[in-house]
Protein backbone atom coordinates (compact mmCIF):
# COMPACT_ATOMS: atom_id res chain seq x y z
CA MET A 1 23.95 17.71 39.03
CA LYS A 2 25.02 20.54 36.74
CA ASP A 3 28.65 20.68 35.65
CA SER A 4 29.03 24.08 37.33
CA LYS A 5 28.05 22.60 40.69
CA LYS A 6 30.39 19.64 40.17
CA ALA A 7 33.20 22.05 39.31
CA LEU A 8 32.45 24.17 42.38
CA LEU A 9 32.52 21.16 44.69
CA PHE A 10 35.72 19.85 43.14
CA LEU A 11 37.44 23.21 43.59
CA ILE A 12 36.48 23.83 47.21
CA PHE A 13 37.72 20.39 48.24
CA PHE A 14 40.77 20.15 45.99
CA ALA A 15 42.19 23.48 47.18
CA PRO A 16 42.62 22.33 50.82
CA PHE A 17 43.66 18.88 49.58
CA VAL A 18 46.71 20.47 47.95
CA GLY A 19 47.34 23.33 50.36
CA GLU A 20 47.02 21.29 53.55
CA GLY A 21 47.04 17.61 52.55
CA LEU A 22 49.81 17.26 49.99
CA SER A 23 51.89 19.88 51.79
CA THR A 24 51.75 17.73 54.99
CA SER A 25 50.46 20.72 56.98
CA THR A 26 47.41 18.75 58.12
CA PRO A 27 48.21 15.10 58.97
CA VAL A 28 46.10 12.50 57.19
CA ILE A 29 44.48 11.30 60.44
CA GLU A 30 42.97 14.75 61.03
CA TRP A 31 41.05 14.55 57.77
CA ILE A 32 38.55 12.18 59.38
CA ASN A 33 37.40 15.07 61.59
CA PRO A 34 34.50 16.82 59.80
CA VAL A 35 35.14 20.06 61.71
CA VAL A 36 38.68 20.21 60.30
CA ILE A 37 37.40 19.60 56.77
CA ILE A 38 34.73 22.30 57.10
CA LEU A 39 37.22 24.87 58.41
CA LEU A 40 39.70 24.06 55.65
CA VAL A 41 37.00 24.29 52.99
CA PHE A 42 35.89 27.65 54.36
CA LEU A 43 39.51 28.88 54.26
CA TYR A 44 41.15 27.28 51.21
CA GLY A 45 38.10 26.23 49.23
CA PHE A 46 36.16 29.44 49.57
CA GLY A 47 39.36 31.46 49.03
CA ALA A 48 39.93 29.70 45.70
CA LEU A 49 36.25 29.97 44.77
CA ILE A 50 36.17 33.72 45.50
CA THR A 51 39.35 34.19 43.46
CA ARG A 52 37.88 32.33 40.51
CA GLU A 53 34.58 34.18 40.67
CA LEU A 54 36.37 37.54 40.72
CA LEU A 55 38.29 36.59 37.56
CA ILE A 56 35.05 35.80 35.74
CA ARG A 57 33.08 38.76 37.12
CA TRP A 58 35.93 41.15 36.25
CA ASP A 59 35.98 39.77 32.66
CA LYS A 60 39.54 38.42 33.00
CA GLY A 61 38.47 35.02 31.69
CA SER A 62 39.66 31.59 32.78
CA ASP A 63 43.03 32.32 31.15
CA GLY A 64 43.65 35.56 33.02
CA TRP A 65 47.01 34.42 34.35
CA LEU A 66 48.26 37.77 35.61
CA PRO A 67 45.25 38.67 37.81
CA LEU A 68 45.05 35.04 38.94
CA LEU A 69 48.61 35.08 40.24
CA ILE A 70 48.15 38.49 41.88
CA LEU A 71 44.97 37.36 43.64
CA GLY A 72 46.78 34.18 44.66
CA ALA A 73 49.45 36.29 46.35
CA ALA A 74 46.73 38.32 48.08
CA TYR A 75 45.18 35.10 49.35
CA GLY A 76 48.54 34.01 50.76
CA ILE A 77 48.74 37.23 52.76
CA ILE A 78 45.16 36.88 54.00
CA GLU A 79 45.67 33.32 55.22
CA GLU A 80 49.17 33.46 56.66
CA GLY A 81 49.41 37.14 57.53
CA ILE A 82 45.93 38.30 58.49
CA TYR A 83 44.26 35.11 59.78
CA LEU A 84 47.05 32.87 61.07
CA MET A 85 49.57 35.69 61.66
CA SER A 86 52.47 33.31 60.99
CA PHE A 87 54.28 36.07 59.09
CA PHE A 88 54.95 37.76 62.41
CA ASN A 89 55.04 34.94 64.97
CA PRO A 90 58.66 33.81 65.63
CA ASN A 91 57.38 30.74 67.49
CA TRP A 92 54.98 29.50 64.80
CA ALA A 93 55.11 25.68 64.73
CA ASP A 94 56.35 25.36 61.15
CA VAL A 95 58.59 28.40 60.96
CA GLY A 96 61.68 26.82 62.60
CA ILE A 97 64.86 28.82 62.16
CA LEU A 98 62.99 31.30 59.96
CA GLY A 99 61.57 32.76 63.17
CA ALA A 100 65.00 34.31 63.76
CA TYR A 101 66.78 34.07 60.42
CA GLY A 102 65.69 36.97 58.21
CA ARG A 103 63.43 38.44 60.89
CA TYR A 104 63.27 42.22 60.76
CA LEU A 105 60.77 44.79 62.04
CA GLY A 106 58.59 42.07 63.52
CA VAL A 107 58.27 40.08 60.28
CA ASN A 108 59.69 36.63 59.38
CA TRP A 109 60.63 37.79 55.88
CA VAL A 110 61.99 34.55 54.38
CA TRP A 111 58.97 32.65 55.67
CA THR A 112 56.65 35.40 54.43
CA VAL A 113 57.99 35.40 50.86
CA GLU A 114 57.97 31.59 50.76
CA LEU A 115 54.36 31.34 51.95
CA ILE A 116 53.04 34.05 49.65
CA ILE A 117 54.48 32.25 46.62
CA PHE A 118 53.46 28.83 47.96
CA HIS A 119 49.81 29.82 48.35
CA MET A 120 49.82 31.76 45.08
CA ILE A 121 50.81 28.59 43.20
CA TYR A 122 49.61 25.62 45.26
CA SER A 123 46.53 26.87 47.10
CA ILE A 124 45.00 29.06 44.38
CA THR A 125 46.45 28.70 40.87
CA ILE A 126 46.81 24.91 40.69
CA PRO A 127 43.32 24.09 42.07
CA ILE A 128 41.61 26.65 39.81
CA VAL A 129 43.50 25.64 36.67
CA LEU A 130 42.97 21.92 37.29
CA THR A 131 39.26 22.51 37.88
CA HIS A 132 39.03 24.34 34.56
CA ILE A 133 40.80 21.46 32.83
CA ALA A 134 38.37 18.98 34.38
CA PHE A 135 35.27 21.07 33.56
CA PRO A 136 36.08 23.16 30.45
CA GLU A 137 32.44 23.51 29.45
CA VAL A 138 31.77 25.86 32.39
CA LYS A 139 35.17 27.48 32.91
CA GLU A 140 34.01 30.84 31.51
CA GLU A 141 30.81 30.88 33.57
CA SER A 142 30.10 32.26 37.01
CA TRP A 143 29.28 29.37 39.35
CA LEU A 144 27.50 31.45 41.96
CA GLY A 145 24.60 33.86 41.91
CA ASN A 146 25.07 37.23 43.55
CA LYS A 147 23.54 36.10 46.85
CA GLY A 148 25.64 32.93 46.87
CA PHE A 149 28.78 34.88 46.09
CA ILE A 150 28.13 37.35 48.92
CA LEU A 151 27.41 34.46 51.31
CA VAL A 152 30.71 32.75 50.42
CA ILE A 153 32.61 36.00 50.99
CA ILE A 154 30.90 36.52 54.37
CA ILE A 155 31.74 32.96 55.50
CA PHE A 156 35.35 33.37 54.31
CA ILE A 157 35.67 36.62 56.27
CA LEU A 158 33.96 35.26 59.38
CA CYS A 159 36.20 32.20 59.53
CA GLY A 160 39.13 34.58 59.98
CA PRO A 161 38.39 35.45 63.62
CA ILE A 162 38.01 31.73 64.39
CA TRP A 163 41.54 31.04 63.13
CA MET A 164 42.86 34.17 64.82
CA LEU A 165 41.40 33.25 68.23
CA PHE A 166 42.80 29.73 67.89
CA VAL A 167 46.26 31.08 67.07
CA ILE A 168 46.19 33.65 69.89
CA ASP A 169 45.09 30.98 72.37
CA THR A 170 47.75 28.51 71.17
CA TYR A 171 50.72 30.85 70.96
CA ASN A 172 49.67 33.71 73.24
CA TYR A 173 50.97 36.00 70.52
CA ILE A 174 49.55 39.12 68.90
CA PRO A 175 51.57 40.89 66.16
CA GLY A 176 52.41 44.57 66.23
CA PHE A 177 49.82 46.94 64.78
CA VAL A 178 52.13 48.53 62.20
CA GLU A 179 53.29 45.32 60.49
CA TYR A 180 49.83 43.73 60.66
CA PHE A 181 48.07 46.80 59.25
CA GLY A 182 50.81 47.14 56.61
CA PHE A 183 50.10 43.67 55.20
CA LEU A 184 46.36 44.34 55.36
CA ILE A 185 46.89 47.43 53.20
CA LEU A 186 49.14 45.42 50.86
CA THR A 187 46.33 42.88 50.40
CA VAL A 188 43.88 45.61 49.40
CA ILE A 189 46.43 47.06 46.97
CA LEU A 190 47.00 43.66 45.34
CA ILE A 191 43.27 43.11 44.89
CA ILE A 192 42.91 46.55 43.26
CA ILE A 193 45.88 45.83 40.98
CA ALA A 194 44.39 42.45 40.02
CA LYS A 195 41.09 44.10 39.08
CA ARG A 196 42.82 46.68 36.89
CA ALA A 197 45.43 44.35 35.43
CA PRO A 198 45.02 42.96 31.91
CA ALA A 199 44.42 39.26 31.57
CA THR A 200 47.82 38.93 29.94
CA LEU A 201 50.77 41.27 29.50
CA PHE A 202 52.01 40.12 26.12
CA GLU A 203 50.64 39.58 22.65
CA LYS A 204 50.07 36.19 21.13
CA LYS A 205 53.00 34.51 19.40
CA GLU A 206 52.70 31.63 16.99
CA VAL A 207 54.72 28.73 18.38
CA GLU A 208 54.59 24.97 18.35
CA SER A 209 53.84 24.22 21.97
CA PRO A 210 56.24 21.70 23.57
CA SER A 211 55.08 18.36 24.89
CA PHE A 212 53.61 17.30 28.23
CA LYS A 213 57.10 16.18 29.30
CA HIS A 214 58.60 19.62 28.72
CA PHE A 215 56.06 21.36 30.94
CA PHE A 216 56.22 18.58 33.52
CA PHE A 217 59.97 19.19 33.71
CA LEU A 218 59.50 22.95 34.13
CA GLY A 219 57.00 22.41 36.95
CA ALA A 220 59.16 19.85 38.71
CA VAL A 221 62.35 21.90 38.45
CA TRP A 222 60.57 24.97 39.75
CA GLY A 223 59.12 23.12 42.75
CA VAL A 224 62.33 21.35 43.78
CA CYS A 225 64.53 24.45 43.42
CA PHE A 226 61.98 26.73 45.08
CA PHE A 227 61.92 24.65 48.26
CA MET A 228 65.68 24.19 48.19
CA ILE A 229 66.09 27.96 48.14
CA ALA A 230 63.54 28.37 50.93
CA TRP A 231 64.93 25.64 53.20
CA ILE A 232 68.58 24.91 52.39
CA LEU A 233 69.94 28.45 52.02
CA PRO A 234 68.70 29.50 55.48
CA ALA A 235 70.27 26.34 56.95
CA LEU A 236 73.57 27.38 55.34
CA ASN A 237 73.16 30.78 57.01
CA VAL A 238 73.68 32.79 53.84
CA PRO A 239 72.56 36.44 54.08
CA PRO A 240 68.71 36.39 54.32
CA ILE A 241 68.35 38.80 51.44
CA ILE A 242 69.57 36.05 49.08
CA PRO A 243 66.64 33.60 49.55
CA ILE A 244 64.23 36.53 49.91
CA LEU A 245 65.18 37.71 46.41
CA LEU A 246 65.89 34.32 44.82
CA MET A 247 62.44 32.84 45.51
CA PRO A 248 60.47 35.43 43.49
CA ILE A 249 63.24 35.74 40.87
CA TRP A 250 63.28 31.97 40.33
CA THR A 251 59.48 31.87 40.13
CA LEU A 252 59.38 34.73 37.64
CA PHE A 253 62.08 33.05 35.55
CA ILE A 254 60.08 29.81 35.28
CA LEU A 255 56.92 31.77 34.47
CA TRP A 256 58.90 33.51 31.72
CA ARG A 257 60.11 30.14 30.38
CA ILE A 258 56.52 28.86 30.37
CA ALA A 259 55.40 31.98 28.52
CA THR A 260 58.13 31.82 25.88
CA ALA A 261 57.54 28.11 25.30
CA SER A 262 53.81 28.63 24.82
CA GLY A 263 53.60 31.81 22.76
CA ASN A 264 52.96 33.92 25.87
CA GLY A 265 50.49 31.37 27.17
CA TYR A 266 48.25 31.24 24.11
CA ALA A 267 49.51 27.84 22.97
CA LEU A 268 49.07 26.20 26.35
CA ASN A 269 46.72 23.27 26.03
CA GLU A 270 45.16 21.07 28.67
CA GLU A 271 47.90 18.44 28.52
CA ASN A 272 50.60 21.10 28.94
CA LEU A 273 48.83 22.55 31.96
CA LEU A 274 48.34 19.10 33.45
CA GLY A 275 52.06 18.44 33.01
CA LEU A 276 52.93 21.70 34.77
CA ILE A 277 50.63 20.89 37.68
CA ILE A 278 51.84 17.33 38.19
CA GLY A 279 55.44 18.50 37.87
CA ALA A 280 54.97 21.22 40.49
CA LEU A 281 53.43 18.65 42.85
CA VAL A 282 56.36 16.22 42.58
CA PHE A 283 58.24 17.73 45.49
CA LEU A 284 55.13 17.65 47.69
CA PHE A 285 54.75 13.93 47.02
CA PHE A 286 58.39 13.44 47.99
CA LEU A 287 57.79 15.45 51.16
CA LEU A 288 54.78 13.29 51.98
CA LEU A 289 56.89 10.16 51.56
CA VAL A 290 59.48 11.51 54.00
CA VAL A 291 57.01 12.81 56.58
CA SER A 292 54.23 10.20 56.53
CA ILE A 293 54.10 6.87 54.69
CA LEU A 294 50.37 6.60 55.41
CA GLY A 295 49.77 10.12 54.13
CA PHE A 296 51.85 9.39 51.03
CA ILE A 297 49.87 6.22 50.25
CA ILE A 298 46.43 7.78 50.77
CA PHE A 299 47.01 11.20 49.21
CA SER A 300 49.03 9.78 46.31
CA ALA A 301 46.29 7.25 45.55
CA ILE A 302 43.65 10.00 45.54
CA SER A 303 45.85 12.21 43.35
CA ILE A 304 46.50 9.42 40.85
CA LEU A 305 42.77 8.73 40.54
CA ILE A 306 42.08 12.43 40.00
CA PHE A 307 44.79 12.80 37.35
CA ILE A 308 43.76 9.61 35.53
CA SER A 309 40.14 10.76 35.47
CA ILE A 310 41.09 14.20 34.12
CA LYS A 311 43.44 12.70 31.53
CA ARG A 312 40.60 10.49 30.28
CA ARG A 313 38.35 13.53 30.02
CA ILE A 314 41.04 15.27 27.95
CA ASN A 315 41.42 12.26 25.66
CA LYS A 316 37.66 12.07 25.08
CA ARG A 317 37.61 15.69 23.97
CA LYS A 318 40.28 15.16 21.31
């Protein structure tokens, strides 16, 4: 099997593994159901694959961090806003107090900001970057022909109504036209911005890139503090505008620290990126441990095997 096909398969399965498995959104027992896996691959996997293909086809390159993050945010809106409609549903299973706290004009704003950033990082950026680390020989190549790319897009779009009908049947809820259409327009705008955006905003700076531990720390601190802002501040009933603003500000601050430590990203190597990814996943592993011991054991074991395998690949290339 060609490396490009191996990379494609790894990406479309790793994306839902992180977005639904490590996040505890889909319990481990449900992963034995092939229908669940197929639907998650069509949603998360194909979403990540389309994002990656757009980066390559738009000549942004595998290191086009700015368009990658923008497209990741667009994906978050598509999944949670357009397909699942959780941005608007005050009774969504996972939304909890965020269905009332910070709700305005028919939108769960704290939940919305949290989920856009979550999917931007965990569902799109981390799977794509880790796949490129695992398969660097093909990271600048398109992995799909034109017909295959169109087919993937069609399947991704068609799976939307399936999720929408399931949500409507489960919750008997349909969002208002104005807020729904507004987020649909925002998605289109973000995609246009991503296409026109440069791969990077800043020029290269010569720096001695810090160690794996430094970037692991940045990833871990970001993840822990991000979820504390998203979950603890609402529980303390602070004004909703505080977590709404703090989540993107905190994320931008850590991205700035990563950029400054790596010469605006140019000095980032595979070990640094691996450290960032593992660090960002630390909180999800903790969450798994709290929510499901079985899930923690199984998903942690799979993750460890993946990271060991990728680390060995990195060492062989030195």
